Amino acid sequence: MPGVAAFDLLIFAYEEMPPELTAMADEVIIVPGPKIASWAKLFAARPDLLETYQQIALLDDDLLCSIDDLNASFAAGRNYNLLIWQPSLTWDSYFTYAVTLNNPSFTLRYVNFIELMCPFFAVDQLRRVLPLFSLGYEVYIDRMWCRLNENSSRRYAILDSVKLKHCRQIGSNAQAQGFSALKKTKHGGIYQSFIDQAEHELDIRFRGAVAYAGVTRKGKLVVGRLVMALMAFSVLRGWGKHKENKFIRPLLVHVRHNLTRPIANDPIAINPPRRNNKAEIGVSDLR
C-alpha cells in the first residue's frame, strides 16, 4: 500500500485542469505561458514558499511516480546532503540523456548535470538558482545550476534508488512551453538550436553530463572516471524496453563524455544574455 505523503503538493499549471486531477493538491495556481518564466513569476509572487519549506521539487506533468517515490527522493536529498538531485528514469521512459537512465549498480551517482524535467532542490540552493529563471530562456539553465557554488563536489546526484517514468515524447509539448519552429538538428535533439543560441548569448559552455562518482547498492563509494564509465554499461540491460528509444548511441555518448569531458564544478557568474530582447518577468498574472 502507498505511504502517506511527507510533502505538500502545489499544482502549478499553464491551463485549467479537471477537478479530478486538482483534488489531490494542497493548492492550485494557473499561470499561462512558458514553464521557466512561470517559475520566476511563482517565486517572485510567493516568497513564502522559500521560507516554509527546506526542499522544493519542480516536476513536469508527464512523470509517472508514486507517493513513496517522492518521499524517498526528498529523504535521499536530506540523507546525502544534496543541493540539487533527481530520480533516475525507467528504461521504458522517453529520455534525452543516457546519464539520467536508471543504473541498477548504484544507489545514486554524483553528476555535474540535473535535468529540467524533475529537479529537487535544497531551498538555499533554489535561492541561488532563482536568477536563472528570469534570464528569458526556456532551455540551458539546467546546464548552469550545478555551477553556482564553491566546493560543490558530490552535492548533485541522480538517484538510482528511485525510478520515475517519463511518459511523453520529447518535444511533444514544445509549443505550450513557448517554443516554435522546432526541428531536429543533425547532431542534437529538437531543442538543440535553442540550446546553441543560449550558449552563445550567455557565453557559458557546457561540455557534457558526467557521472564521476557513485554509491553502489552495497553502500560502497566508487570514485573514478574510468570505473564509472565502465559501470554505465549496466544500463544496456534496458535495451529494447522502449521501441522508440535508441539506447546505444546515447549510452556511448555518455561513456565518452564520462571519460573525456570536464566535470566543470567551478562556479560561474549569472550575467544578462548578450541581446536586447531579454524577457521581462512580471507577476501580475499569477493566480
Protein backbone atom coordinates (compact mmCIF):
# COMPACT_ATOMS: atom_id res chain seq x y z
CA MET A 1 0.00 0.00 0.00
CA PRO A 2 1.23 3.53 -0.74
CA GLY A 3 2.53 5.57 2.12
CA VAL A 4 1.37 8.91 3.41
CA ALA A 5 2.79 11.95 1.62
CA ALA A 6 5.57 13.62 3.62
CA PHE A 7 5.24 16.68 1.37
CA ASP A 8 2.69 19.27 0.25
CA LEU A 9 1.54 19.31 -3.39
CA LEU A 10 1.20 22.56 -5.31
CA ILE A 11 -0.11 22.10 -8.85
CA PHE A 12 1.30 24.93 -10.96
CA ALA A 13 -0.20 24.68 -14.45
CA TYR A 14 -0.39 26.73 -17.65
CA GLU A 15 -4.07 25.88 -18.25
CA GLU A 16 -7.16 24.92 -16.28
CA MET A 17 -7.20 21.30 -15.16
CA PRO A 18 -10.05 18.83 -14.48
CA PRO A 19 -11.24 18.74 -10.85
CA GLU A 20 -10.37 15.06 -10.54
CA LEU A 21 -6.70 15.98 -11.09
CA THR A 22 -6.59 19.04 -8.87
CA ALA A 23 -8.46 17.37 -6.00
CA MET A 24 -5.23 15.78 -4.75
CA ALA A 25 -3.41 19.12 -4.48
CA ASP A 26 -2.99 21.31 -1.41
CA GLU A 27 -3.02 24.35 -3.70
CA VAL A 28 -3.58 25.03 -7.41
CA ILE A 29 -2.19 28.03 -9.32
CA ILE A 30 -2.79 28.64 -13.03
CA VAL A 31 -0.28 30.77 -14.95
CA PRO A 32 -0.47 30.62 -18.76
CA GLY A 33 2.84 30.73 -20.56
CA PRO A 34 6.28 29.11 -20.70
CA LYS A 35 7.49 26.92 -17.84
CA ILE A 36 10.67 28.69 -16.71
CA ALA A 37 9.23 32.18 -16.97
CA SER A 38 6.28 30.97 -14.90
CA TRP A 39 8.64 29.60 -12.25
CA ALA A 40 10.08 33.11 -11.95
CA LYS A 41 6.59 34.53 -11.52
CA LEU A 42 5.69 31.95 -8.91
CA PHE A 43 8.64 32.59 -6.60
CA ALA A 44 8.50 36.36 -7.10
CA ALA A 45 4.86 36.36 -6.02
CA ARG A 46 5.21 33.67 -3.35
CA PRO A 47 8.48 34.15 -1.45
CA ASP A 48 6.76 32.43 1.46
CA LEU A 49 7.42 29.10 -0.27
CA LEU A 50 11.15 29.58 0.30
CA GLU A 51 10.56 30.31 3.97
CA THR A 52 8.11 27.47 4.61
CA TYR A 53 9.99 24.54 3.08
CA GLN A 54 13.52 23.14 3.30
CA GLN A 55 13.22 21.26 -0.01
CA ILE A 56 11.25 22.02 -3.18
CA ALA A 57 10.80 19.84 -6.28
CA LEU A 58 9.73 21.23 -9.67
CA LEU A 59 8.27 18.26 -11.54
CA ASP A 60 6.86 18.10 -15.06
CA ASP A 61 3.33 16.82 -15.54
CA ASP A 62 4.27 13.79 -17.64
CA LEU A 63 6.05 11.78 -14.94
CA LEU A 64 4.60 8.55 -13.58
CA CYS A 65 5.54 8.10 -9.94
CA SER A 66 4.11 7.24 -6.55
CA ILE A 67 3.90 8.99 -3.19
CA ASP A 68 6.57 6.59 -1.96
CA ASP A 69 8.85 7.58 -4.85
CA LEU A 70 8.59 11.25 -3.94
CA ASN A 71 9.00 10.60 -0.22
CA ALA A 72 12.15 8.59 -0.95
CA SER A 73 13.52 11.31 -3.23
CA PHE A 74 13.13 14.02 -0.60
CA ALA A 75 14.64 11.74 2.05
CA ALA A 76 17.68 10.95 -0.14
CA GLY A 77 18.37 14.65 -0.56
CA ARG A 78 18.50 15.04 3.21
CA ASN A 79 20.46 11.85 3.87
CA TYR A 80 23.18 12.64 1.33
CA ASN A 81 23.24 16.42 1.95
CA LEU A 82 22.48 17.20 -1.71
CA LEU A 83 21.92 20.61 -3.27
CA ILE A 84 20.14 19.53 -6.47
CA TRP A 85 19.14 15.99 -7.35
CA GLN A 86 16.66 13.94 -9.36
CA PRO A 87 15.29 10.41 -9.53
CA SER A 88 16.53 8.26 -12.39
CA LEU A 89 14.29 7.35 -15.32
CA THR A 90 12.89 3.90 -16.01
CA TRP A 91 14.26 2.09 -19.06
CA ASP A 92 10.92 2.43 -20.87
CA SER A 93 10.90 6.23 -20.45
CA TYR A 94 11.33 8.78 -23.19
CA PHE A 95 14.74 10.29 -22.47
CA THR A 96 17.35 12.66 -23.87
CA TYR A 97 20.48 11.92 -21.82
CA ALA A 98 21.59 8.37 -21.02
CA VAL A 99 23.06 9.56 -17.72
CA THR A 100 19.50 10.00 -16.42
CA LEU A 101 18.52 6.36 -17.03
CA ASN A 102 18.37 4.06 -14.03
CA ASN A 103 21.63 2.25 -13.36
CA PRO A 104 20.94 -0.85 -11.21
CA SER A 105 24.55 -0.96 -9.99
CA PHE A 106 24.09 2.19 -7.89
CA THR A 107 22.05 3.75 -5.14
CA LEU A 108 22.98 7.15 -6.54
CA ARG A 109 25.54 8.71 -8.88
CA TYR A 110 27.22 12.09 -8.35
CA VAL A 111 26.92 14.18 -11.51
CA ASN A 112 27.50 17.64 -12.94
CA PHE A 113 24.04 17.88 -14.54
CA ILE A 114 20.44 17.63 -13.31
CA GLU A 115 17.76 17.79 -15.98
CA LEU A 116 14.92 20.35 -16.14
CA MET A 117 12.36 17.57 -16.11
CA CYS A 118 12.34 16.72 -12.39
CA PRO A 119 14.82 18.67 -10.23
CA PHE A 120 14.70 18.55 -6.43
CA PHE A 121 16.32 21.48 -4.60
CA ALA A 122 17.58 22.24 -1.14
CA VAL A 123 15.83 25.56 -0.63
CA ASP A 124 19.07 27.51 -0.03
CA GLN A 125 20.30 26.30 -3.41
CA LEU A 126 16.99 27.20 -5.03
CA ARG A 127 17.51 30.76 -3.81
CA ARG A 128 20.83 30.79 -5.68
CA VAL A 129 19.16 29.37 -8.78
CA LEU A 130 16.23 31.82 -8.91
CA PRO A 131 18.03 34.48 -11.03
CA LEU A 132 18.36 31.90 -13.82
CA PHE A 133 14.58 31.76 -14.17
CA SER A 134 14.47 35.44 -15.15
CA LEU A 135 17.10 35.36 -17.90
CA GLY A 136 14.48 34.76 -20.59
CA TYR A 137 15.42 31.18 -21.53
CA GLU A 138 13.34 28.01 -21.51
CA VAL A 139 16.43 25.85 -22.05
CA TYR A 140 20.01 25.70 -20.83
CA ILE A 141 19.52 26.78 -17.23
CA ASP A 142 19.90 23.14 -16.16
CA ARG A 143 23.39 23.30 -17.64
CA MET A 144 24.25 26.14 -15.28
CA TRP A 145 22.52 25.49 -11.96
CA CYS A 146 25.13 22.96 -10.83
CA ARG A 147 27.81 25.64 -11.18
CA LEU A 148 26.69 28.27 -8.70
CA ASN A 149 28.59 27.08 -5.62
CA GLU A 150 32.09 26.77 -4.27
CA ASN A 151 33.03 23.25 -3.11
CA SER A 152 30.16 21.57 -4.96
CA SER A 153 31.73 18.12 -5.38
CA ARG A 154 29.25 15.34 -4.55
CA ARG A 155 26.40 17.76 -3.96
CA TYR A 156 24.43 16.93 -7.15
CA ALA A 157 23.16 13.41 -7.80
CA ILE A 158 20.90 11.13 -9.80
CA LEU A 159 19.05 8.67 -7.55
CA ASP A 160 19.13 5.11 -8.84
CA SER A 161 17.25 4.00 -5.73
CA VAL A 162 14.19 5.80 -7.15
CA LYS A 163 12.78 5.44 -10.67
CA LEU A 164 10.22 7.64 -12.43
CA LYS A 165 8.75 7.04 -15.86
CA HIS A 166 8.79 9.92 -18.35
CA CYS A 167 5.66 9.23 -20.39
CA ARG A 168 5.58 11.89 -23.11
CA GLN A 169 7.72 12.05 -26.22
CA ILE A 170 10.45 14.70 -26.05
CA GLY A 171 9.23 17.94 -27.63
CA SER A 172 5.56 16.95 -27.91
CA ASN A 173 4.56 19.83 -25.64
CA ALA A 174 7.06 22.33 -27.00
CA GLN A 175 4.63 24.98 -28.22
CA ALA A 176 2.98 25.22 -24.79
CA GLN A 177 6.48 25.78 -23.37
CA GLY A 178 6.99 28.78 -25.64
CA PHE A 179 8.96 27.16 -28.47
CA SER A 180 8.16 27.47 -32.16
CA ALA A 181 9.65 26.24 -35.43
CA LEU A 182 11.27 23.25 -33.76
CA LYS A 183 13.16 20.84 -35.93
CA LYS A 184 15.64 18.12 -35.20
CA THR A 185 19.25 19.06 -35.88
CA LYS A 186 21.92 16.79 -37.27
CA HIS A 187 23.90 16.49 -34.04
CA GLY A 188 21.25 17.04 -31.40
CA GLY A 189 17.62 16.89 -30.40
CA ILE A 190 14.82 19.21 -31.41
CA TYR A 191 15.81 21.81 -28.81
CA GLN A 192 19.45 21.94 -29.90
CA SER A 193 19.24 25.17 -31.91
CA PHE A 194 17.77 26.96 -28.86
CA ILE A 195 20.48 25.46 -26.64
CA ASP A 196 23.17 26.63 -29.07
CA GLN A 197 21.71 30.13 -29.07
CA ALA A 198 21.61 30.29 -25.27
CA GLU A 199 25.19 29.04 -25.01
CA HIS A 200 26.36 31.76 -27.39
CA GLU A 201 24.40 34.56 -25.76
CA LEU A 202 25.34 33.61 -22.20
CA ASP A 203 28.94 32.77 -23.15
CA ILE A 204 28.88 29.74 -20.85
CA ARG A 205 29.84 26.40 -22.34
CA PHE A 206 28.63 23.03 -21.13
CA ARG A 207 30.70 20.13 -22.46
CA GLY A 208 28.53 17.19 -21.37
CA ALA A 209 26.99 15.29 -18.49
CA VAL A 210 29.49 13.38 -16.35
CA ALA A 211 28.84 10.87 -13.55
CA TYR A 212 32.18 10.97 -11.75
CA ALA A 213 31.40 9.04 -8.56
CA GLY A 214 28.65 6.95 -7.05
CA VAL A 215 27.40 4.88 -4.14
CA THR A 216 26.75 1.25 -5.03
CA ARG A 217 23.79 -0.83 -3.88
CA LYS A 218 26.06 -2.25 -1.17
CA GLY A 219 26.93 1.22 0.10
CA LYS A 220 30.45 1.42 -1.36
CA LEU A 221 31.69 4.75 -2.65
CA VAL A 222 33.08 4.44 -6.19
CA VAL A 223 35.28 7.25 -7.50
CA GLY A 224 36.97 7.48 -10.89
CA ARG A 225 36.06 8.38 -14.42
CA LEU A 226 37.07 5.04 -15.96
CA VAL A 227 35.26 2.81 -13.49
CA MET A 228 32.13 4.98 -13.69
CA ALA A 229 32.23 4.81 -17.48
CA LEU A 230 32.51 1.02 -17.40
CA MET A 231 29.70 0.69 -14.86
CA ALA A 232 27.46 2.81 -17.11
CA PHE A 233 27.10 -0.21 -19.36
CA SER A 234 24.72 -1.71 -16.77
CA VAL A 235 22.09 0.40 -18.50
CA LEU A 236 22.33 -1.87 -21.55
CA ARG A 237 20.07 -4.29 -19.71
CA GLY A 238 17.25 -1.91 -20.60
CA TRP A 239 17.88 -2.12 -24.34
CA GLY A 240 14.62 -2.85 -26.12
CA LYS A 241 12.34 -1.86 -23.25
CA HIS A 242 11.02 1.05 -25.31
CA LYS A 243 10.62 0.57 -29.04
CA GLU A 244 11.21 4.26 -29.83
CA ASN A 245 14.31 4.61 -27.68
CA LYS A 246 17.71 4.18 -29.26
CA PHE A 247 19.93 3.17 -26.36
CA ILE A 248 23.28 2.52 -27.99
CA ARG A 249 24.27 5.94 -29.31
CA PRO A 250 23.16 7.95 -26.23
CA LEU A 251 24.91 5.46 -23.96
CA LEU A 252 28.13 5.60 -25.95
CA VAL A 253 27.96 9.41 -25.91
CA HIS A 254 27.58 9.31 -22.14
CA VAL A 255 30.53 6.92 -21.74
CA ARG A 256 32.68 9.12 -23.98
CA HIS A 257 31.73 12.23 -22.02
CA ASN A 258 32.48 10.42 -18.78
CA LEU A 259 35.99 9.65 -19.99
CA THR A 260 36.88 12.88 -21.77
CA ARG A 261 34.77 15.85 -20.71
CA PRO A 262 35.49 18.19 -17.80
CA ILE A 263 33.33 17.92 -14.70
CA ALA A 264 33.27 21.74 -14.62
CA ASN A 265 32.36 22.20 -10.96
CA ASP A 266 33.96 25.65 -10.97
CA PRO A 267 31.43 28.40 -10.17
CA ILE A 268 30.11 30.78 -12.80
CA ALA A 269 28.56 34.23 -12.60
CA ILE A 270 25.00 34.77 -13.75
CA ASN A 271 25.06 37.60 -16.25
CA PRO A 272 22.30 39.01 -18.50
CA PRO A 273 22.30 37.50 -22.01
CA ARG A 274 24.14 39.25 -24.81
CA ARG A 275 21.00 40.51 -26.57
CA ASN A 276 18.48 43.33 -26.37
CA ASN A 277 15.25 41.33 -26.13
CA LYS A 278 15.71 39.77 -22.72
CA ALA A 279 12.36 38.61 -21.34
CA GLU A 280 10.92 40.80 -18.63
CA ILE A 281 9.25 38.75 -15.92
CA GLY A 282 6.17 40.18 -14.22
CA VAL A 283 3.96 38.70 -11.53
CA SER A 284 0.61 40.44 -12.12
CA ASP A 285 -0.96 37.40 -13.85
CA LEU A 286 -0.22 34.91 -11.07
CA ARG A 287 -3.45 33.48 -9.74
